[in-house]
C-alpha atoms as a PDB file:
ATOM      1  CA  MET A   1      92.243 148.768  34.092  1.00  0.00           C
ATOM      2  CA  ASN A   2      93.045 146.311  37.031  1.00  0.00           C
ATOM      3  CA  THR A   3      94.601 143.752  34.698  1.00  0.00           C
ATOM      4  CA  GLY A   4      97.837 146.003  34.694  1.00  0.00           C
ATOM      5  CA  THR A   5      98.265 145.771  38.375  1.00  0.00           C
ATOM      6  CA  VAL A   6      97.184 141.985  39.066  1.00  0.00           C
ATOM      7  CA  PRO A   7     100.277 140.464  37.746  1.00  0.00           C
ATOM      8  CA  GLU A   8     102.820 142.871  39.759  1.00  0.00           C
ATOM      9  CA  PRO A   9     102.161 140.933  43.013  1.00  0.00           C
ATOM     10  CA  ARG A  10     102.154 137.594  41.174  1.00  0.00           C
ATOM     11  CA  THR A  11     105.937 138.788  39.812  1.00  0.00           C
ATOM     12  CA  ALA A  12     107.116 140.079  42.618  1.00  0.00           C
ATOM     13  CA  ALA A  13     106.098 137.057  44.809  1.00  0.00           C
ATOM     14  CA  ALA A  14     107.406 134.801  41.931  1.00  0.00           C
ATOM     15  CA  LEU A  15     110.694 136.685  41.683  1.00  0.00           C
ATOM     16  CA  ALA A  16     111.019 136.661  46.040  1.00  0.00           C
ATOM     17  CA  ALA A  17     110.247 132.766  45.379  1.00  0.00           C
ATOM     18  CA  ARG A  18     113.090 132.290  42.673  1.00  0.00           C
ATOM     19  CA  ARG A  19     115.696 134.639  45.136  1.00  0.00           C
ATOM     20  CA  ARG A  20     115.117 132.224  48.404  1.00  0.00           C
ATOM     21  CA  LYS A  21     115.368 129.143  45.831  1.00  0.00           C
ATOM     22  CA  THR A  22     118.766 130.699  44.675  1.00  0.00           C
ATOM     23  CA  GLU A  23     119.927 131.335  47.771  1.00  0.00           C
ATOM     24  CA  ALA A  24     118.952 128.217  49.610  1.00  0.00           C
ATOM     25  CA  ALA A  25     120.684 126.511  46.717  1.00  0.00           C
ATOM     26  CA  LEU A  26     123.855 128.755  47.160  1.00  0.00           C
ATOM     27  CA  GLU A  27     123.902 127.979  50.584  1.00  0.00           C
ATOM     28  CA  ARG A  28     123.847 123.992  49.880  1.00  0.00           C
ATOM     29  CA  VAL A  29     126.428 124.573  47.498  1.00  0.00           C
ATOM     30  CA  HIS A  30     128.807 125.894  50.062  1.00  0.00           C
ATOM     31  CA  GLN A  31     127.975 123.455  52.855  1.00  0.00           C
ATOM     32  CA  ALA A  32     128.906 120.826  50.403  1.00  0.00           C
ATOM     33  CA  ILE A  33     132.166 122.697  49.155  1.00  0.00           C
ATOM     34  CA  ALA A  34     132.935 122.645  53.001  1.00  0.00           C
ATOM     35  CA  ARG A  35     132.053 119.022  53.654  1.00  0.00           C
ATOM     36  CA  ILE A  36     134.126 118.114  50.849  1.00  0.00           C
ATOM     37  CA  ARG A  37     137.564 120.161  52.240  1.00  0.00           C
ATOM     38  CA  ARG A  38     136.746 118.401  55.779  1.00  0.00           C
ATOM     39  CA  GLU A  39     136.656 114.938  54.142  1.00  0.00           C
ATOM     40  CA  LYS A  40     139.703 115.799  51.842  1.00  0.00           C
ATOM     41  CA  ALA A  41     138.099 114.495  49.141  1.00  0.00           C
ATOM     42  CA  GLN A  42     138.411 115.690  45.372  1.00  0.00           C
ATOM     43  CA  VAL A  43     136.456 119.109  44.813  1.00  0.00           C
ATOM     44  CA  SER A  44     134.444 118.744  41.124  1.00  0.00           C
ATOM     45  CA  VAL A  45     131.737 120.436  39.700  1.00  0.00           C
ATOM     46  CA  ALA A  46     130.085 116.878  39.552  1.00  0.00           C
ATOM     47  CA  ALA A  47     130.980 116.447  43.438  1.00  0.00           C
ATOM     48  CA  VAL A  48     129.632 119.776  44.668  1.00  0.00           C
ATOM     49  CA  ALA A  49     126.491 119.327  42.440  1.00  0.00           C
ATOM     50  CA  HIS A  50     125.750 115.962  43.736  1.00  0.00           C
ATOM     51  CA  ARG A  51     126.395 116.899  47.520  1.00  0.00           C
ATOM     52  CA  ALA A  52     124.035 120.056  47.061  1.00  0.00           C
ATOM     53  CA  ASP A  53     121.324 118.940  45.019  1.00  0.00           C
ATOM     54  CA  VAL A  54     121.857 121.166  42.427  1.00  0.00           C
ATOM     55  CA  SER A  55     122.125 120.700  38.913  1.00  0.00           C
ATOM     56  CA  ARG A  56     125.668 121.343  37.280  1.00  0.00           C
ATOM     57  CA  THR A  57     123.905 123.719  34.975  1.00  0.00           C
ATOM     58  CA  PHE A  58     122.999 126.280  38.322  1.00  0.00           C
ATOM     59  CA  ILE A  59     126.935 126.244  39.254  1.00  0.00           C
ATOM     60  CA  TYR A  60     127.817 127.044  35.690  1.00  0.00           C
ATOM     61  CA  ASP A  61     124.895 129.714  35.315  1.00  0.00           C
ATOM     62  CA  ASN A  62     125.043 131.326  38.619  1.00  0.00           C
ATOM     63  CA  ALA A  63     128.418 133.492  39.344  1.00  0.00           C
ATOM     64  CA  GLU A  64     128.626 132.888  42.730  1.00  0.00           C
ATOM     65  CA  ALA A  65     128.505 128.937  42.931  1.00  0.00           C
ATOM     66  CA  ARG A  66     130.490 129.085  39.925  1.00  0.00           C
ATOM     67  CA  SER A  67     133.164 130.787  41.597  1.00  0.00           C
ATOM     68  CA  ALA A  68     133.010 129.226  44.721  1.00  0.00           C
ATOM     69  CA  VAL A  69     133.537 126.106  43.249  1.00  0.00           C
ATOM     70  CA  ALA A  70     136.309 127.330  41.120  1.00  0.00           C
ATOM     71  CA  ALA A  71     138.273 128.545  44.295  1.00  0.00           C
ATOM     72  CA  ALA A  72     137.654 125.415  46.214  1.00  0.00           C
ATOM     73  CA  MET A  73     139.439 123.546  43.256  1.00  0.00           C
ATOM     74  CA  THR A  74     142.281 125.747  43.022  1.00  0.00           C
ATOM     75  CA  GLN A  75     142.641 125.837  46.507  1.00  0.00           C
ATOM     76  CA  ALA A  76     142.755 121.930  46.497  1.00  0.00           C
ATOM     77  CA  GLY A  77     144.929 121.867  43.482  1.00  0.00           C
ATOM     78  CA  GLU A  78     147.434 123.908  45.367  1.00  0.00           C
ATOM     79  CA  HIS A  79     147.450 121.698  48.020  1.00  0.00           C
ATOM     80  CA  GLN A  80     147.652 118.763  46.237  1.00  0.00           C
ATOM     81  CA  SER A  81     150.572 120.217  44.079  1.00  0.00           C
ATOM     82  CA  ARG A  82     152.444 121.057  47.383  1.00  0.00           C
ATOM     83  CA  THR A  83     151.818 117.225  48.633  1.00  0.00           C
ATOM     84  CA  LEU A  84     153.536 115.645  45.404  1.00  0.00           C
ATOM     85  CA  ALA A  85     155.987 118.388  44.974  1.00  0.00           C
ATOM     86  CA  GLU A  86     157.003 117.466  48.930  1.00  0.00           C
ATOM     87  CA  GLN A  87     156.967 113.688  47.893  1.00  0.00           C
ATOM     88  CA  ASP A  88     158.832 114.399  44.750  1.00  0.00           C
ATOM     89  CA  ASP A  89     161.497 116.025  46.907  1.00  0.00           C
ATOM     90  CA  GLU A  90     161.836 113.445  49.345  1.00  0.00           C
ATOM     91  CA  ARG A  91     161.995 110.600  47.006  1.00  0.00           C
ATOM     92  CA  GLU A  92     164.613 112.665  44.870  1.00  0.00           C
ATOM     93  CA  ALA A  93     166.714 113.240  47.851  1.00  0.00           C
ATOM     94  CA  THR A  94     166.678 109.382  48.981  1.00  0.00           C
ATOM     95  CA  TRP A  95     168.107 108.601  45.611  1.00  0.00           C
ATOM     96  CA  ARG A  96     170.593 111.026  45.304  1.00  0.00           C
ATOM     97  CA  GLU A  97     171.746 110.220  48.817  1.00  0.00           C
ATOM     98  CA  ARG A  98     171.744 106.350  47.670  1.00  0.00           C
ATOM     99  CA  ALA A  99     173.315 107.188  44.316  1.00  0.00           C
ATOM    100  CA  LEU A 100     176.124 109.262  46.461  1.00  0.00           C
ATOM    101  CA  ASN A 101     176.830 106.440  48.843  1.00  0.00           C
ATOM    102  CA  ALA A 102     177.096 104.243  46.254  1.00  0.00           C
ATOM    103  CA  GLU A 103     179.678 106.388  44.624  1.00  0.00           C
ATOM    104  CA  ASP A 104     181.698 106.621  47.631  1.00  0.00           C
ATOM    105  CA  ALA A 105     181.698 102.919  48.293  1.00  0.00           C
ATOM    106  CA  LEU A 106     182.338 102.327  44.800  1.00  0.00           C
ATOM    107  CA  LYS A 107     185.488 104.716  44.923  1.00  0.00           C
ATOM    108  CA  ALA A 108     186.432 103.242  48.278  1.00  0.00           C
ATOM    109  CA  ALA A 109     186.657  99.553  47.051  1.00  0.00           C
ATOM    110  CA  ALA A 110     188.574 100.836  43.886  1.00  0.00           C
ATOM    111  CA  ALA A 111     191.003 102.370  46.373  1.00  0.00           C
ATOM    112  CA  GLU A 112     191.249  99.136  48.262  1.00  0.00           C
ATOM    113  CA  ILE A 113     191.511  97.239  45.167  1.00  0.00           C
ATOM    114  CA  LEU A 114     194.551  99.330  43.975  1.00  0.00           C
ATOM    115  CA  ALA A 115     196.162  98.701  47.272  1.00  0.00           C
ATOM    116  CA  GLN A 116     195.735  95.447  47.534  1.00  0.00           C
ATOM    117  CA  ARG A 117     197.369  94.862  43.973  1.00  0.00           C
ATOM    118  CA  THR A 118     200.300  97.361  44.823  1.00  0.00           C
ATOM    119  CA  ARG A 119     200.675  94.824  48.344  1.00  0.00           C
ATOM    120  CA  ILE A 120     200.754  91.498  45.812  1.00  0.00           C
ATOM    121  CA  GLY A 121     203.191  93.339  43.594  1.00  0.00           C
ATOM    122  CA  GLU A 122     205.365  93.912  46.389  1.00  0.00           C
ATOM    123  CA  LEU A 123     205.041  90.417  47.987  1.00  0.00           C
ATOM    124  CA  LEU A 124     205.724  89.013  44.618  1.00  0.00           C
ATOM    125  CA  GLY A 125     208.588  91.363  44.265  1.00  0.00           C
ATOM    126  CA  GLN A 126     210.190  90.195  47.606  1.00  0.00           C
ATOM    127  CA  ILE A 127     209.906  86.576  46.803  1.00  0.00           C
ATOM    128  CA  ARG A 128     211.682  86.684  43.624  1.00  0.00           C
ATOM    129  CA  ASP A 129     214.481  88.879  45.363  1.00  0.00           C
ATOM    130  CA  LEU A 130     214.993  86.851  48.049  1.00  0.00           C
ATOM    131  CA  GLU A 131     213.860  83.035  46.815  1.00  0.00           C
ATOM    132  CA  ALA A 132     217.500  81.929  47.228  1.00  0.00           C
ATOM    133  CA  GLU A 133     217.723  82.531  50.895  1.00  0.00           C
ATOM    134  CA  TRP A 134     214.392  81.430  52.160  1.00  0.00           C
ATOM    135  CA  THR A 135     213.366  78.643  53.781  1.00  0.00           C
ATOM    136  CA  GLU A 136     210.591  75.947  52.423  1.00  0.00           C
ATOM    137  CA  GLY A 137     208.138  77.318  55.398  1.00  0.00           C
ATOM    138  CA  ALA A 138     209.004  80.987  54.450  1.00  0.00           C
ATOM    139  CA  ILE A 139     207.830  80.165  50.992  1.00  0.00           C
ATOM    140  CA  GLN A 140     204.993  78.485  52.034  1.00  0.00           C
ATOM    141  CA  ARG A 141     203.816  81.120  54.041  1.00  0.00           C
ATOM    142  CA  ILE A 142     204.172  84.001  51.637  1.00  0.00           C
ATOM    143  CA  THR A 143     202.536  81.982  49.182  1.00  0.00           C
ATOM    144  CA  SER A 144     199.411  81.271  51.232  1.00  0.00           C
ATOM    145  CA  GLU A 145     199.601  84.907  52.099  1.00  0.00           C
ATOM    146  CA  ASN A 146     199.595  85.830  48.511  1.00  0.00           C
ATOM    147  CA  THR A 147     196.581  83.151  47.735  1.00  0.00           C
ATOM    148  CA  THR A 148     194.619  84.616  50.649  1.00  0.00           C
ATOM    149  CA  LEU A 149     195.120  88.512  48.801  1.00  0.00           C
ATOM    150  CA  LYS A 150     194.403  87.252  45.326  1.00  0.00           C
ATOM    151  CA  GLN A 151     191.116  85.776  47.182  1.00  0.00           C
ATOM    152  CA  ARG A 152     190.631  89.239  48.850  1.00  0.00           C
ATOM    153  CA  VAL A 153     191.028  91.060  45.395  1.00  0.00           C
ATOM    154  CA  ARG A 154     188.595  88.660  43.639  1.00  0.00           C
ATOM    155  CA  GLN A 155     186.136  89.539  46.641  1.00  0.00           C
ATOM    156  CA  LEU A 156     186.967  93.192  46.276  1.00  0.00           C
ATOM    157  CA  THR A 157     186.489  93.343  42.552  1.00  0.00           C
ATOM    158  CA  THR A 158     182.966  91.217  43.232  1.00  0.00           C
ATOM    159  CA  ASP A 159     182.076  94.181  45.630  1.00  0.00           C
ATOM    160  CA  ASN A 160     183.297  96.808  43.136  1.00  0.00           C
ATOM    161  CA  ARG A 161     180.950  95.449  40.200  1.00  0.00           C
ATOM    162  CA  THR A 162     177.982  95.140  42.621  1.00  0.00           C
ATOM    163  CA  LEU A 163     178.408  98.378  43.761  1.00  0.00           C
ATOM    164  CA  ASP A 164     178.875  99.914  40.335  1.00  0.00           C
ATOM    165  CA  GLU A 165     175.459  97.819  39.309  1.00  0.00           C
ATOM    166  CA  ARG A 166     173.736  99.472  42.528  1.00  0.00           C
ATOM    167  CA  LEU A 167     175.412 102.850  41.272  1.00  0.00           C
ATOM    168  CA  LYS A 168     173.463 102.233  38.032  1.00  0.00           C
ATOM    169  CA  ALA A 169     170.520 101.297  39.414  1.00  0.00           C
ATOM    170  CA  ALA A 170     170.268 104.317  41.764  1.00  0.00           C
ATOM    171  CA  ARG A 171     171.021 106.822  38.870  1.00  0.00           C
ATOM    172  CA  SER A 172     168.391 104.926  36.710  1.00  0.00           C
ATOM    173  CA  ASN A 173     165.958 105.360  39.314  1.00  0.00           C
ATOM    174  CA  LEU A 174     167.086 109.262  40.065  1.00  0.00           C
ATOM    175  CA  ARG A 175     166.440 109.816  36.149  1.00  0.00           C
ATOM    176  CA  PHE A 176     162.884 108.157  36.019  1.00  0.00           C
ATOM    177  CA  GLN A 177     162.366 110.266  39.445  1.00  0.00           C
ATOM    178  CA  ASP A 178     163.111 113.178  37.477  1.00  0.00           C
ATOM    179  CA  ARG A 179     161.091 112.454  34.402  1.00  0.00           C
ATOM    180  CA  ARG A 180     158.110 111.616  36.744  1.00  0.00           C
ATOM    181  CA  MET A 181     158.609 114.923  38.978  1.00  0.00           C
ATOM    182  CA  ALA A 182     158.553 116.999  35.191  1.00  0.00           C
ATOM    183  CA  ASP A 183     155.283 114.863  34.375  1.00  0.00           C
ATOM    184  CA  LEU A 184     153.494 115.874  37.681  1.00  0.00           C
ATOM    185  CA  GLU A 185     154.563 119.405  37.380  1.00  0.00           C
ATOM    186  CA  ALA A 186     153.179 119.535  33.625  1.00  0.00           C
ATOM    187  CA  GLN A 187     149.895 117.909  34.889  1.00  0.00           C
ATOM    188  CA  ILE A 188     149.499 120.473  37.772  1.00  0.00           C
ATOM    189  CA  THR A 189     150.319 123.171  35.072  1.00  0.00           C
ATOM    190  CA  ASN A 190     147.991 122.071  32.941  1.00  0.00           C
ATOM    191  CA  SER A 191     145.305 121.321  35.595  1.00  0.00           C
ATOM    192  CA  SER A 192     145.623 124.921  37.142  1.00  0.00           C
ATOM    193  CA  GLN A 193     145.224 126.395  33.310  1.00  0.00           C
ATOM    194  CA  GLY A 194     142.208 124.297  32.899  1.00  0.00           C
ATOM    195  CA  VAL A 195     140.851 125.903  36.520  1.00  0.00           C
ATOM    196  CA  GLN A 196     141.788 129.484  35.569  1.00  0.00           C
ATOM    197  CA  GLN A 197     140.052 129.183  32.234  1.00  0.00           C
END
């Protein structure tokens, strides 16, 4: 009849030992998560299992360990997504500012070219109207000024072309940044959904 009472202390001792072992493993898991956070390393089941010296199966099977790792991964993902979003916002602001600056410079160059062309037209008109009355020196001066203005127009046209190319490049970069931001948001959403599942 004693055979019924002998296994109970052994079972209780085995259960207590198993409970202590589980509690120790859980403590190591929490310490590993804290260490990974301090080091700003990536939180994953594999990383926590390795540092805590437990199996991945233990983390998946133990509800407390599983929820601690999931919470740490979610928190790390939110921090990473905030950092990426902030970086993308800064890049986007920089590219937008460059594009706006290029547009402003392009408008200024176009206005300057128009003003120079108008001035050239006025000078040519004056030459035609007063050519007979002018001295040779005056004609040479006007011709020289006209040549200078034409060179200035050519320079402004070249500058305008350069600014136009920069504007196109800035717009292209802005489109690339918008696509990159959309890709990063999709990755963050997918990883967040993966963690929640």
